[in-house]
Amino acid sequence: MSFPLVCSVHVVPSGWAVHVQPFLLSFQNTMDAFSSKDMAMKAQKKLLSSMASKSSVQMFIDDTSSEILDELYRVSKEHSGNKAEAHKVIKDLVKIAVKIGVLFRNNCFSPEELGIAQDFKKKLHMGAMTAISFYEVDFTFDKTVMADLLTGCRDLLLKLVNTHLTPKSHGRINHVFNHYSDPELLTKLYDPNSSFRPHLTKICKGLNKMVEDGTI
């Protein structure tokens, strides 16, 4: 499993903008009605309400990103047995994505920091390709390799936002990456006979599409 796009924000070299499509609020037909799209929109609206000009930022989340986030939520809920904790992990992920998207949109990063962002994007791409390979090729999964890639992404992201975001936001980054780099969670996710397999299939399908589209 890879940690997709820092939670659905597509950081790309061209303008470092956040690319996605606008969407209407919608809830999935599940018992707990979880929707990463709805969560992202709420985070966006809350942030925009505190800004002088709503036109100064444009935040979106596309269908592929949303599907991956929803599957990550289900993985977290099944692994922890705690719906509230799973919700908090995704909520933290979305908040960080929105804030970093705003920083990129408003050209807040120095040339040196943009270099760190490029390193992060490369590491994230490597993580996605590795996650897909582990899924497609039987008996190749290595929990240490996957965990190291995720913690590497975490460290680069913390370095990128070090002077821009608060310690509380740094804590959210640690919470998300530490959660998904848990070797026990990764092992269950990649167990061909586990109940997590359908989630992994959908996650990797989404990652494949994002790789093909050049968004990760």
N, C-alpha and C. Protein backbone atom coordinates (compact mmCIF):
# COMPACT_ATOMS: atom_id res chain seq x y z
N MET A 1 0.83 -1.18 0.00
CA MET A 1 0.00 0.00 0.00
C MET A 1 0.87 1.23 0.00
N SER A 2 0.44 2.22 -0.75
CA SER A 2 1.13 3.48 -0.72
C SER A 2 0.22 4.54 -0.15
N PHE A 3 0.83 5.59 0.32
CA PHE A 3 0.07 6.69 0.84
C PHE A 3 -0.19 7.64 -0.31
N PRO A 4 -1.41 7.65 -0.88
CA PRO A 4 -1.62 8.34 -2.11
C PRO A 4 -1.64 9.85 -2.02
N LEU A 5 -0.84 10.51 -2.84
CA LEU A 5 -0.91 11.92 -3.11
C LEU A 5 -1.08 12.80 -1.91
N VAL A 6 -0.53 12.44 -0.81
CA VAL A 6 -0.76 13.19 0.40
C VAL A 6 -2.24 13.45 0.52
N CYS A 7 -2.94 12.40 0.46
CA CYS A 7 -4.37 12.52 0.65
C CYS A 7 -5.06 13.31 -0.42
N SER A 8 -4.82 12.98 -1.64
CA SER A 8 -5.61 13.47 -2.75
C SER A 8 -5.20 14.81 -3.30
N VAL A 9 -4.15 15.44 -2.80
CA VAL A 9 -3.67 16.64 -3.44
C VAL A 9 -2.64 16.25 -4.47
N HIS A 10 -2.82 16.66 -5.70
CA HIS A 10 -1.90 16.31 -6.78
C HIS A 10 -0.85 17.39 -6.92
N VAL A 11 0.35 17.15 -6.44
CA VAL A 11 1.42 18.11 -6.57
C VAL A 11 2.17 17.82 -7.86
N VAL A 12 2.12 18.75 -8.79
CA VAL A 12 2.74 18.54 -10.08
C VAL A 12 3.71 19.67 -10.38
N PRO A 13 4.76 19.41 -11.17
CA PRO A 13 5.77 20.42 -11.43
C PRO A 13 5.22 21.68 -12.10
N SER A 14 4.24 21.56 -12.96
CA SER A 14 3.75 22.70 -13.70
C SER A 14 2.91 23.62 -12.83
N GLY A 15 3.57 24.65 -12.27
CA GLY A 15 2.85 25.63 -11.47
C GLY A 15 2.59 25.20 -10.05
N TRP A 16 2.89 23.97 -9.72
CA TRP A 16 2.64 23.43 -8.39
C TRP A 16 1.21 23.73 -7.95
N ALA A 17 0.29 23.58 -8.86
CA ALA A 17 -1.12 23.83 -8.53
C ALA A 17 -1.75 22.56 -8.04
N VAL A 18 -2.95 22.68 -7.50
CA VAL A 18 -3.72 21.53 -7.05
C VAL A 18 -4.76 21.25 -8.11
N HIS A 19 -4.61 20.10 -8.81
CA HIS A 19 -5.47 19.80 -9.93
C HIS A 19 -6.53 18.76 -9.57
N VAL A 20 -7.75 19.11 -9.79
CA VAL A 20 -8.82 18.14 -9.65
C VAL A 20 -10.11 18.71 -10.22
N GLN A 21 -11.21 18.03 -10.02
CA GLN A 21 -12.48 18.48 -10.55
C GLN A 21 -13.39 18.87 -9.41
N PRO A 22 -14.22 19.90 -9.61
CA PRO A 22 -15.18 20.24 -8.57
C PRO A 22 -16.22 19.14 -8.43
N PHE A 23 -16.88 19.09 -7.33
CA PHE A 23 -17.85 18.03 -7.13
C PHE A 23 -18.97 18.48 -6.20
N LEU A 24 -20.09 17.75 -6.25
CA LEU A 24 -21.20 18.00 -5.35
C LEU A 24 -21.05 17.12 -4.14
N LEU A 25 -21.54 17.58 -3.00
CA LEU A 25 -21.49 16.78 -1.78
C LEU A 25 -22.34 15.54 -1.96
N SER A 26 -21.78 14.40 -1.57
CA SER A 26 -22.56 13.17 -1.66
C SER A 26 -22.08 12.19 -0.62
N PHE A 27 -22.98 11.42 -0.11
CA PHE A 27 -22.63 10.39 0.86
C PHE A 27 -22.79 9.01 0.23
N GLN A 28 -21.89 8.13 0.59
CA GLN A 28 -21.98 6.78 0.09
C GLN A 28 -23.09 6.04 0.84
N ASN A 29 -23.62 5.03 0.19
CA ASN A 29 -24.72 4.28 0.80
C ASN A 29 -24.17 3.20 1.72
N THR A 30 -23.54 3.68 2.82
CA THR A 30 -22.99 2.76 3.80
C THR A 30 -23.60 3.11 5.15
N MET A 31 -23.46 2.20 6.11
CA MET A 31 -24.09 2.39 7.40
C MET A 31 -23.55 3.63 8.09
N ASP A 32 -22.23 3.88 7.97
CA ASP A 32 -21.68 5.05 8.64
C ASP A 32 -21.57 6.24 7.69
N ALA A 33 -22.03 6.08 6.45
CA ALA A 33 -22.13 7.17 5.48
C ALA A 33 -20.84 7.94 5.35
N PHE A 34 -19.70 7.24 5.38
CA PHE A 34 -18.42 7.92 5.26
C PHE A 34 -18.18 8.35 3.82
N SER A 35 -17.70 9.56 3.65
CA SER A 35 -17.37 10.07 2.31
C SER A 35 -16.17 10.99 2.41
N SER A 36 -15.06 10.60 1.79
CA SER A 36 -13.87 11.45 1.80
C SER A 36 -14.11 12.73 1.03
N LYS A 37 -14.97 12.67 0.00
CA LYS A 37 -15.30 13.89 -0.76
C LYS A 37 -15.97 14.91 0.15
N ASP A 38 -16.93 14.45 0.92
CA ASP A 38 -17.64 15.35 1.83
C ASP A 38 -16.68 15.93 2.85
N MET A 39 -15.80 15.10 3.38
CA MET A 39 -14.83 15.56 4.37
C MET A 39 -13.90 16.61 3.78
N ALA A 40 -13.43 16.37 2.56
CA ALA A 40 -12.53 17.33 1.90
C ALA A 40 -13.24 18.65 1.65
N MET A 41 -14.48 18.60 1.23
CA MET A 41 -15.23 19.83 0.98
C MET A 41 -15.43 20.62 2.27
N LYS A 42 -15.74 19.93 3.36
CA LYS A 42 -15.91 20.62 4.64
C LYS A 42 -14.61 21.28 5.09
N ALA A 43 -13.49 20.58 4.91
CA ALA A 43 -12.20 21.15 5.29
C ALA A 43 -11.90 22.37 4.44
N GLN A 44 -12.22 22.28 3.17
CA GLN A 44 -12.00 23.40 2.25
C GLN A 44 -12.84 24.60 2.66
N LYS A 45 -14.13 24.37 2.92
CA LYS A 45 -15.02 25.48 3.28
C LYS A 45 -14.58 26.15 4.57
N LYS A 46 -14.13 25.34 5.53
CA LYS A 46 -13.70 25.89 6.81
C LYS A 46 -12.47 26.77 6.62
N LEU A 47 -11.54 26.31 5.79
CA LEU A 47 -10.33 27.09 5.53
C LEU A 47 -10.66 28.37 4.77
N LEU A 48 -11.50 28.25 3.76
CA LEU A 48 -11.85 29.41 2.94
C LEU A 48 -12.60 30.46 3.76
N SER A 49 -13.38 30.03 4.73
CA SER A 49 -14.16 30.98 5.52
C SER A 49 -13.28 31.88 6.36
N SER A 50 -12.04 31.45 6.60
CA SER A 50 -11.12 32.25 7.41
C SER A 50 -10.20 33.12 6.56
N MET A 51 -10.36 33.06 5.24
CA MET A 51 -9.49 33.82 4.34
C MET A 51 -10.23 35.05 3.82
N ALA A 52 -9.46 36.09 3.52
CA ALA A 52 -10.05 37.34 3.06
C ALA A 52 -10.71 37.18 1.71
N SER A 53 -10.09 36.40 0.85
CA SER A 53 -10.62 36.24 -0.51
C SER A 53 -10.75 34.76 -0.85
N LYS A 54 -11.96 34.33 -1.08
CA LYS A 54 -12.19 32.93 -1.41
C LYS A 54 -11.63 32.57 -2.78
N SER A 55 -11.39 33.57 -3.60
CA SER A 55 -10.84 33.30 -4.94
C SER A 55 -9.35 33.03 -4.90
N SER A 56 -8.73 33.18 -3.71
CA SER A 56 -7.28 33.02 -3.62
C SER A 56 -6.85 31.57 -3.57
N VAL A 57 -7.80 30.66 -3.47
CA VAL A 57 -7.46 29.24 -3.43
C VAL A 57 -8.55 28.42 -4.10
N GLN A 58 -8.14 27.34 -4.73
CA GLN A 58 -9.11 26.46 -5.38
C GLN A 58 -8.76 25.03 -5.01
N MET A 59 -9.61 24.42 -4.24
CA MET A 59 -9.35 23.07 -3.75
C MET A 59 -10.36 22.09 -4.32
N PHE A 60 -9.87 20.95 -4.73
CA PHE A 60 -10.74 19.92 -5.27
C PHE A 60 -10.22 18.55 -4.86
N ILE A 61 -11.04 17.55 -5.15
CA ILE A 61 -10.63 16.17 -4.99
C ILE A 61 -11.29 15.38 -6.11
N ASP A 62 -10.53 14.59 -6.81
CA ASP A 62 -11.11 13.87 -7.94
C ASP A 62 -11.65 12.52 -7.52
N ASP A 63 -12.36 11.88 -8.44
CA ASP A 63 -13.02 10.61 -8.12
C ASP A 63 -12.04 9.52 -7.72
N THR A 64 -10.92 9.43 -8.45
CA THR A 64 -9.94 8.39 -8.15
C THR A 64 -9.36 8.56 -6.75
N SER A 65 -8.96 9.80 -6.43
CA SER A 65 -8.42 10.08 -5.10
C SER A 65 -9.44 9.76 -4.01
N SER A 66 -10.68 10.13 -4.26
CA SER A 66 -11.73 9.89 -3.28
C SER A 66 -11.94 8.40 -3.04
N GLU A 67 -11.90 7.61 -4.11
CA GLU A 67 -12.08 6.17 -3.97
C GLU A 67 -10.95 5.55 -3.15
N ILE A 68 -9.72 6.02 -3.39
CA ILE A 68 -8.57 5.51 -2.63
C ILE A 68 -8.72 5.88 -1.15
N LEU A 69 -9.09 7.11 -0.88
CA LEU A 69 -9.25 7.56 0.50
C LEU A 69 -10.35 6.77 1.20
N ASP A 70 -11.43 6.51 0.52
CA ASP A 70 -12.52 5.73 1.12
C ASP A 70 -12.06 4.31 1.46
N GLU A 71 -11.24 3.72 0.59
CA GLU A 71 -10.72 2.38 0.88
C GLU A 71 -9.72 2.41 2.04
N LEU A 72 -8.91 3.46 2.11
CA LEU A 72 -7.98 3.60 3.24
C LEU A 72 -8.76 3.73 4.55
N TYR A 73 -9.87 4.43 4.51
CA TYR A 73 -10.73 4.54 5.69
C TYR A 73 -11.22 3.16 6.12
N ARG A 74 -11.68 2.37 5.16
CA ARG A 74 -12.21 1.04 5.48
C ARG A 74 -11.10 0.13 6.03
N VAL A 75 -9.91 0.24 5.46
CA VAL A 75 -8.77 -0.53 5.96
C VAL A 75 -8.48 -0.15 7.41
N SER A 76 -8.45 1.14 7.69
CA SER A 76 -8.17 1.60 9.05
C SER A 76 -9.25 1.16 10.02
N LYS A 77 -10.50 1.24 9.59
CA LYS A 77 -11.61 0.85 10.47
C LYS A 77 -11.55 -0.64 10.79
N GLU A 78 -11.29 -1.46 9.79
CA GLU A 78 -11.23 -2.91 10.02
C GLU A 78 -10.01 -3.28 10.86
N HIS A 79 -8.90 -2.61 10.61
CA HIS A 79 -7.68 -2.95 11.34
C HIS A 79 -7.77 -2.55 12.81
N SER A 80 -8.24 -1.35 13.06
CA SER A 80 -8.29 -0.83 14.42
C SER A 80 -9.54 -1.25 15.17
N GLY A 81 -10.62 -1.58 14.42
CA GLY A 81 -11.89 -1.88 15.06
C GLY A 81 -12.50 -0.64 15.69
N ASN A 82 -12.03 0.52 15.24
CA ASN A 82 -12.45 1.78 15.84
C ASN A 82 -12.80 2.77 14.73
N LYS A 83 -14.09 2.96 14.52
CA LYS A 83 -14.54 3.85 13.45
C LYS A 83 -14.09 5.29 13.67
N ALA A 84 -14.10 5.72 14.94
CA ALA A 84 -13.71 7.10 15.25
C ALA A 84 -12.24 7.34 14.93
N GLU A 85 -11.39 6.38 15.24
CA GLU A 85 -9.96 6.51 14.94
C GLU A 85 -9.72 6.53 13.44
N ALA A 86 -10.41 5.66 12.71
CA ALA A 86 -10.27 5.63 11.25
C ALA A 86 -10.70 6.95 10.64
N HIS A 87 -11.77 7.49 11.17
CA HIS A 87 -12.27 8.78 10.69
C HIS A 87 -11.25 9.88 10.96
N LYS A 88 -10.63 9.85 12.13
CA LYS A 88 -9.65 10.88 12.50
C LYS A 88 -8.42 10.82 11.61
N VAL A 89 -7.98 9.61 11.27
CA VAL A 89 -6.80 9.47 10.41
C VAL A 89 -7.06 10.12 9.05
N ILE A 90 -8.20 9.80 8.46
CA ILE A 90 -8.51 10.38 7.15
C ILE A 90 -8.75 11.88 7.26
N LYS A 91 -9.38 12.30 8.33
CA LYS A 91 -9.61 13.73 8.54
C LYS A 91 -8.29 14.48 8.64
N ASP A 92 -7.33 13.92 9.38
CA ASP A 92 -6.01 14.54 9.49
C ASP A 92 -5.33 14.60 8.12
N LEU A 93 -5.46 13.52 7.36
CA LEU A 93 -4.87 13.45 6.03
C LEU A 93 -5.45 14.54 5.12
N VAL A 94 -6.76 14.69 5.15
CA VAL A 94 -7.42 15.70 4.31
C VAL A 94 -7.00 17.10 4.72
N LYS A 95 -6.95 17.37 6.02
CA LYS A 95 -6.57 18.70 6.49
C LYS A 95 -5.16 19.07 6.03
N ILE A 96 -4.25 18.13 6.14
CA ILE A 96 -2.87 18.38 5.70
C ILE A 96 -2.83 18.63 4.21
N ALA A 97 -3.56 17.84 3.45
CA ALA A 97 -3.58 18.01 2.00
C ALA A 97 -4.09 19.39 1.60
N VAL A 98 -5.16 19.81 2.24
CA VAL A 98 -5.73 21.12 1.92
C VAL A 98 -4.74 22.24 2.25
N LYS A 99 -4.13 22.16 3.41
CA LYS A 99 -3.20 23.21 3.82
C LYS A 99 -1.97 23.28 2.91
N ILE A 100 -1.44 22.12 2.55
CA ILE A 100 -0.28 22.11 1.66
C ILE A 100 -0.68 22.62 0.27
N GLY A 101 -1.87 22.28 -0.14
CA GLY A 101 -2.36 22.78 -1.42
C GLY A 101 -2.44 24.30 -1.44
N VAL A 102 -2.87 24.89 -0.33
CA VAL A 102 -2.94 26.35 -0.23
C VAL A 102 -1.54 26.95 -0.30
N LEU A 103 -0.59 26.33 0.38
CA LEU A 103 0.79 26.83 0.36
C LEU A 103 1.36 26.83 -1.06
N PHE A 104 1.11 25.75 -1.80
CA PHE A 104 1.57 25.69 -3.18
C PHE A 104 0.86 26.72 -4.04
N ARG A 105 -0.43 26.81 -3.85
CA ARG A 105 -1.24 27.71 -4.67
C ARG A 105 -0.79 29.17 -4.52
N ASN A 106 -0.34 29.50 -3.32
CA ASN A 106 0.07 30.88 -3.03
C ASN A 106 1.58 31.08 -3.07
N ASN A 107 2.28 30.12 -3.69
CA ASN A 107 3.73 30.25 -3.91
C ASN A 107 4.50 30.57 -2.63
N CYS A 108 4.18 29.84 -1.58
CA CYS A 108 4.80 30.09 -0.28
C CYS A 108 6.14 29.38 -0.10
N PHE A 109 6.48 28.46 -0.99
CA PHE A 109 7.70 27.69 -0.82
C PHE A 109 8.88 28.32 -1.56
N SER A 110 10.03 28.25 -0.92
CA SER A 110 11.27 28.76 -1.52
C SER A 110 11.76 27.78 -2.57
N PRO A 111 12.71 28.18 -3.42
CA PRO A 111 13.27 27.24 -4.40
C PRO A 111 13.83 25.98 -3.74
N GLU A 112 14.45 26.15 -2.58
CA GLU A 112 14.99 24.98 -1.87
C GLU A 112 13.86 24.06 -1.43
N GLU A 113 12.78 24.65 -0.94
CA GLU A 113 11.64 23.85 -0.49
C GLU A 113 10.94 23.17 -1.67
N LEU A 114 10.91 23.83 -2.81
CA LEU A 114 10.33 23.20 -3.99
C LEU A 114 11.16 21.98 -4.41
N GLY A 115 12.45 22.04 -4.16
CA GLY A 115 13.31 20.88 -4.40
C GLY A 115 12.94 19.73 -3.49
N ILE A 116 12.63 20.05 -2.24
CA ILE A 116 12.18 19.03 -1.29
C ILE A 116 10.85 18.45 -1.75
N ALA A 117 9.99 19.30 -2.27
CA ALA A 117 8.70 18.84 -2.78
C ALA A 117 8.88 17.88 -3.95
N GLN A 118 9.84 18.16 -4.81
CA GLN A 118 10.14 17.26 -5.92
C GLN A 118 10.63 15.91 -5.40
N ASP A 119 11.48 15.95 -4.38
CA ASP A 119 11.98 14.71 -3.78
C ASP A 119 10.83 13.91 -3.18
N PHE A 120 9.91 14.63 -2.54
CA PHE A 120 8.73 13.97 -1.97
C PHE A 120 7.90 13.31 -3.06
N LYS A 121 7.67 14.02 -4.15
CA LYS A 121 6.86 13.48 -5.24
C LYS A 121 7.52 12.22 -5.82
N LYS A 122 8.84 12.24 -5.95
CA LYS A 122 9.56 11.07 -6.47
C LYS A 122 9.42 9.89 -5.50
N LYS A 123 9.55 10.18 -4.20
CA LYS A 123 9.43 9.12 -3.20
C LYS A 123 8.01 8.56 -3.19
N LEU A 124 7.03 9.43 -3.34
CA LEU A 124 5.63 9.00 -3.37
C LEU A 124 5.36 8.13 -4.59
N HIS A 125 5.93 8.54 -5.73
CA HIS A 125 5.78 7.75 -6.96
C HIS A 125 6.40 6.37 -6.78
N MET A 126 7.59 6.34 -6.16
CA MET A 126 8.25 5.06 -5.91
C MET A 126 7.41 4.19 -4.98
N GLY A 127 6.80 4.82 -3.98
CA GLY A 127 5.94 4.08 -3.07
C GLY A 127 4.73 3.49 -3.77
N ALA A 128 4.14 4.27 -4.67
CA ALA A 128 2.97 3.79 -5.41
C ALA A 128 3.35 2.62 -6.31
N MET A 129 4.46 2.74 -7.03
CA MET A 129 4.90 1.67 -7.92
C MET A 129 5.24 0.41 -7.14
N THR A 130 5.84 0.58 -5.97
CA THR A 130 6.19 -0.57 -5.14
C THR A 130 4.93 -1.24 -4.60
N ALA A 131 3.97 -0.43 -4.17
CA ALA A 131 2.71 -0.98 -3.66
C ALA A 131 1.99 -1.80 -4.73
N ILE A 132 1.98 -1.28 -5.94
CA ILE A 132 1.33 -1.98 -7.04
C ILE A 132 2.07 -3.27 -7.37
N SER A 133 3.39 -3.21 -7.39
CA SER A 133 4.20 -4.40 -7.70
C SER A 133 3.99 -5.50 -6.66
N PHE A 134 3.99 -5.12 -5.39
CA PHE A 134 3.77 -6.09 -4.32
C PHE A 134 2.40 -6.76 -4.46
N TYR A 135 1.43 -6.00 -4.94
CA TYR A 135 0.08 -6.53 -5.13
C TYR A 135 0.02 -7.48 -6.33
N GLU A 136 0.67 -7.10 -7.41
CA GLU A 136 0.55 -7.85 -8.66
C GLU A 136 1.41 -9.10 -8.70
N VAL A 137 2.54 -9.08 -7.99
CA VAL A 137 3.46 -10.22 -8.02
C VAL A 137 3.42 -10.94 -6.68
N ASP A 138 2.91 -12.15 -6.68
CA ASP A 138 2.77 -12.92 -5.44
C ASP A 138 4.10 -13.16 -4.75
N PHE A 139 4.04 -13.16 -3.42
CA PHE A 139 5.18 -13.49 -2.55
C PHE A 139 6.34 -12.51 -2.66
N THR A 140 6.07 -11.29 -3.10
CA THR A 140 7.14 -10.28 -3.16
C THR A 140 6.99 -9.24 -2.06
N PHE A 141 5.86 -9.22 -1.37
CA PHE A 141 5.62 -8.19 -0.36
C PHE A 141 6.67 -8.21 0.73
N ASP A 142 7.18 -7.03 1.05
CA ASP A 142 8.17 -6.85 2.11
C ASP A 142 7.70 -5.69 2.97
N LYS A 143 7.25 -5.98 4.18
CA LYS A 143 6.69 -4.94 5.03
C LYS A 143 7.72 -3.87 5.41
N THR A 144 8.99 -4.28 5.51
CA THR A 144 10.03 -3.32 5.87
C THR A 144 10.25 -2.31 4.75
N VAL A 145 10.27 -2.78 3.52
CA VAL A 145 10.45 -1.89 2.37
C VAL A 145 9.30 -0.90 2.28
N MET A 146 8.06 -1.40 2.42
CA MET A 146 6.89 -0.54 2.31
C MET A 146 6.86 0.48 3.44
N ALA A 147 7.16 0.03 4.64
CA ALA A 147 7.15 0.94 5.80
C ALA A 147 8.23 2.01 5.66
N ASP A 148 9.40 1.62 5.16
CA ASP A 148 10.50 2.58 4.99
C ASP A 148 10.15 3.64 3.95
N LEU A 149 9.46 3.24 2.89
CA LEU A 149 9.05 4.21 1.86
C LEU A 149 8.06 5.22 2.45
N LEU A 150 7.14 4.74 3.25
CA LEU A 150 6.14 5.62 3.85
C LEU A 150 6.76 6.57 4.87
N THR A 151 7.67 6.06 5.69
CA THR A 151 8.32 6.94 6.67
C THR A 151 9.25 7.93 5.97
N GLY A 152 9.81 7.51 4.83
CA GLY A 152 10.63 8.44 4.04
C GLY A 152 9.79 9.59 3.50
N CYS A 153 8.58 9.27 3.03
CA CYS A 153 7.64 10.31 2.58
C CYS A 153 7.29 11.24 3.74
N ARG A 154 7.04 10.65 4.89
CA ARG A 154 6.69 11.45 6.07
C ARG A 154 7.78 12.45 6.41
N ASP A 155 9.02 11.98 6.43
CA ASP A 155 10.13 12.84 6.81
C ASP A 155 10.33 13.99 5.82
N LEU A 156 10.18 13.70 4.52
CA LEU A 156 10.31 14.75 3.52
C LEU A 156 9.18 15.78 3.64
N LEU A 157 7.98 15.29 3.92
CA LEU A 157 6.85 16.20 4.06
C LEU A 157 7.02 17.10 5.29
N LEU A 158 7.48 16.53 6.39
CA LEU A 158 7.73 17.32 7.59
C LEU A 158 8.79 18.39 7.33
N LYS A 159 9.80 18.03 6.56
CA LYS A 159 10.85 18.98 6.21
C LYS A 159 10.29 20.10 5.33
N LEU A 160 9.41 19.73 4.42
CA LEU A 160 8.83 20.71 3.51
C LEU A 160 8.01 21.77 4.25
N VAL A 161 7.21 21.35 5.22
CA VAL A 161 6.29 22.28 5.89
C VAL A 161 6.82 22.77 7.22
N ASN A 162 8.06 22.48 7.52
CA ASN A 162 8.63 22.76 8.83
C ASN A 162 8.36 24.18 9.33
N THR A 163 8.59 25.17 8.48
CA THR A 163 8.42 26.56 8.90
C THR A 163 7.07 27.15 8.51
N HIS A 164 6.23 26.36 7.88
CA HIS A 164 4.95 26.87 7.36
C HIS A 164 3.74 26.45 8.18
N LEU A 165 3.79 25.27 8.76
CA LEU A 165 2.64 24.75 9.50
C LEU A 165 2.97 24.62 10.98
N THR A 166 1.93 24.55 11.79
CA THR A 166 2.09 24.52 13.24
C THR A 166 2.49 23.12 13.72
N PRO A 167 2.99 23.03 14.96
CA PRO A 167 3.28 21.71 15.53
C PRO A 167 2.08 20.77 15.51
N LYS A 168 0.88 21.34 15.62
CA LYS A 168 -0.33 20.52 15.57
C LYS A 168 -0.46 19.85 14.21
N SER A 169 -0.15 20.59 13.15
CA SER A 169 -0.20 20.02 11.80
C SER A 169 0.91 19.00 11.61
N HIS A 170 2.08 19.27 12.19
CA HIS A 170 3.17 18.29 12.13
C HIS A 170 2.73 16.98 12.79
N GLY A 171 1.99 17.12 13.89
CA GLY A 171 1.47 15.94 14.58
C GLY A 171 0.49 15.16 13.73
N ARG A 172 -0.31 15.87 12.93
CA ARG A 172 -1.24 15.19 12.03
C ARG A 172 -0.49 14.39 10.97
N ILE A 173 0.59 14.97 10.46
CA ILE A 173 1.40 14.26 9.46
C ILE A 173 1.96 12.97 10.06
N ASN A 174 2.52 13.10 11.26
CA ASN A 174 3.06 11.91 11.93
C ASN A 174 1.96 10.87 12.18
N HIS A 175 0.80 11.33 12.60
CA HIS A 175 -0.30 10.42 12.90
C HIS A 175 -0.68 9.60 11.67
N VAL A 176 -0.83 10.26 10.53
CA VAL A 176 -1.26 9.59 9.31
C VAL A 176 -0.21 8.60 8.82
N PHE A 177 1.01 9.06 8.67
CA PHE A 177 2.06 8.19 8.11
C PHE A 177 2.43 7.06 9.06
N ASN A 178 2.47 7.34 10.34
CA ASN A 178 2.78 6.29 11.30
C ASN A 178 1.69 5.22 11.32
N HIS A 179 0.46 5.66 11.13
CA HIS A 179 -0.66 4.72 11.11
C HIS A 179 -0.54 3.75 9.93
N TYR A 180 -0.31 4.29 8.74
CA TYR A 180 -0.30 3.45 7.55
C TYR A 180 1.02 2.73 7.31
N SER A 181 2.06 3.10 8.05
CA SER A 181 3.33 2.36 7.92
C SER A 181 3.46 1.28 8.98
N ASP A 182 2.41 1.07 9.76
CA ASP A 182 2.40 0.01 10.78
C ASP A 182 2.59 -1.35 10.10
N PRO A 183 3.67 -2.07 10.43
CA PRO A 183 3.94 -3.36 9.79
C PRO A 183 2.79 -4.36 9.91
N GLU A 184 2.09 -4.34 11.04
CA GLU A 184 0.98 -5.27 11.24
C GLU A 184 -0.16 -4.96 10.26
N LEU A 185 -0.47 -3.67 10.11
CA LEU A 185 -1.51 -3.27 9.17
C LEU A 185 -1.11 -3.65 7.74
N LEU A 186 0.13 -3.37 7.37
CA LEU A 186 0.61 -3.67 6.02
C LEU A 186 0.57 -5.16 5.74
N THR A 187 0.94 -5.96 6.73
CA THR A 187 0.94 -7.41 6.55
C THR A 187 -0.47 -7.93 6.32
N LYS A 188 -1.42 -7.43 7.08
CA LYS A 188 -2.82 -7.84 6.89
C LYS A 188 -3.32 -7.40 5.52
N LEU A 189 -2.95 -6.20 5.12
CA LEU A 189 -3.42 -5.65 3.85
C LEU A 189 -2.94 -6.50 2.68
N TYR A 190 -1.72 -7.00 2.76
CA TYR A 190 -1.14 -7.76 1.65
C TYR A 190 -1.30 -9.27 1.78
N ASP A 191 -2.00 -9.71 2.81
CA ASP A 191 -2.29 -11.14 2.96
C ASP A 191 -3.36 -11.52 1.92
N PRO A 192 -3.02 -12.40 0.97
CA PRO A 192 -3.98 -12.76 -0.09
C PRO A 192 -5.29 -13.34 0.43
N ASN A 193 -5.25 -13.89 1.64
CA ASN A 193 -6.44 -14.54 2.19
C ASN A 193 -7.20 -13.68 3.20
N SER A 194 -6.76 -12.45 3.39
CA SER A 194 -7.41 -11.61 4.39
C SER A 194 -8.61 -10.88 3.81
N SER A 195 -9.44 -10.36 4.70
CA SER A 195 -10.62 -9.60 4.27
C SER A 195 -10.23 -8.24 3.70
N PHE A 196 -8.96 -7.89 3.83
CA PHE A 196 -8.48 -6.61 3.33
C PHE A 196 -8.22 -6.64 1.82
N ARG A 197 -8.19 -7.83 1.25
CA ARG A 197 -7.78 -7.97 -0.16
C ARG A 197 -8.62 -7.11 -1.12
N PRO A 198 -9.95 -7.09 -0.98
CA PRO A 198 -10.74 -6.25 -1.89
C PRO A 198 -10.38 -4.76 -1.79
N HIS A 199 -10.02 -4.32 -0.57
CA HIS A 199 -9.62 -2.93 -0.39
C HIS A 199 -8.30 -2.66 -1.12
N LEU A 200 -7.36 -3.58 -0.98
CA LEU A 200 -6.07 -3.42 -1.64
C LEU A 200 -6.24 -3.40 -3.16
N THR A 201 -7.12 -4.25 -3.66
CA THR A 201 -7.37 -4.29 -5.11
C THR A 201 -7.84 -2.93 -5.61
N LYS A 202 -8.78 -2.31 -4.90
CA LYS A 202 -9.30 -1.01 -5.32
C LYS A 202 -8.26 0.09 -5.15
N ILE A 203 -7.47 0.02 -4.07
CA ILE A 203 -6.41 1.01 -3.86
C ILE A 203 -5.40 0.96 -5.00
N CYS A 204 -4.96 -0.25 -5.35
CA CYS A 204 -3.95 -0.39 -6.40
C CYS A 204 -4.52 -0.03 -7.78
N LYS A 205 -5.78 -0.30 -7.98
CA LYS A 205 -6.42 0.11 -9.23
C LYS A 205 -6.39 1.63 -9.36
N GLY A 206 -6.69 2.31 -8.26
CA GLY A 206 -6.65 3.76 -8.25
C GLY A 206 -5.25 4.30 -8.43
N LEU A 207 -4.28 3.68 -7.75
CA LEU A 207 -2.89 4.11 -7.88
C LEU A 207 -2.40 3.93 -9.32
N ASN A 208 -2.78 2.82 -9.94
CA ASN A 208 -2.40 2.58 -11.33
C ASN A 208 -2.90 3.70 -12.24
N LYS A 209 -4.13 4.09 -12.02
CA LYS A 209 -4.71 5.16 -12.84
C LYS A 209 -3.97 6.48 -12.62
N MET A 210 -3.63 6.75 -11.39
CA MET A 210 -2.93 7.99 -11.09
C MET A 210 -1.52 8.00 -11.66
N VAL A 211 -0.87 6.84 -11.64
CA VAL A 211 0.46 6.73 -12.26
C VAL A 211 0.35 6.97 -13.75
N GLU A 212 -0.64 6.35 -14.37
CA GLU A 212 -0.84 6.51 -15.82
C GLU A 212 -1.17 7.95 -16.19
N ASP A 213 -1.91 8.63 -15.31
CA ASP A 213 -2.30 10.02 -15.57
C ASP A 213 -1.17 11.00 -15.22
N GLY A 214 -0.14 10.49 -14.55
CA GLY A 214 0.98 11.35 -14.16
C GLY A 214 0.70 12.24 -12.97
N THR A 215 -0.28 11.87 -12.17
CA THR A 215 -0.61 12.68 -10.99
C THR A 215 0.07 12.19 -9.72
N ILE A 216 0.77 11.09 -9.82
CA ILE A 216 1.53 10.60 -8.66
C ILE A 216 2.82 9.96 -9.16
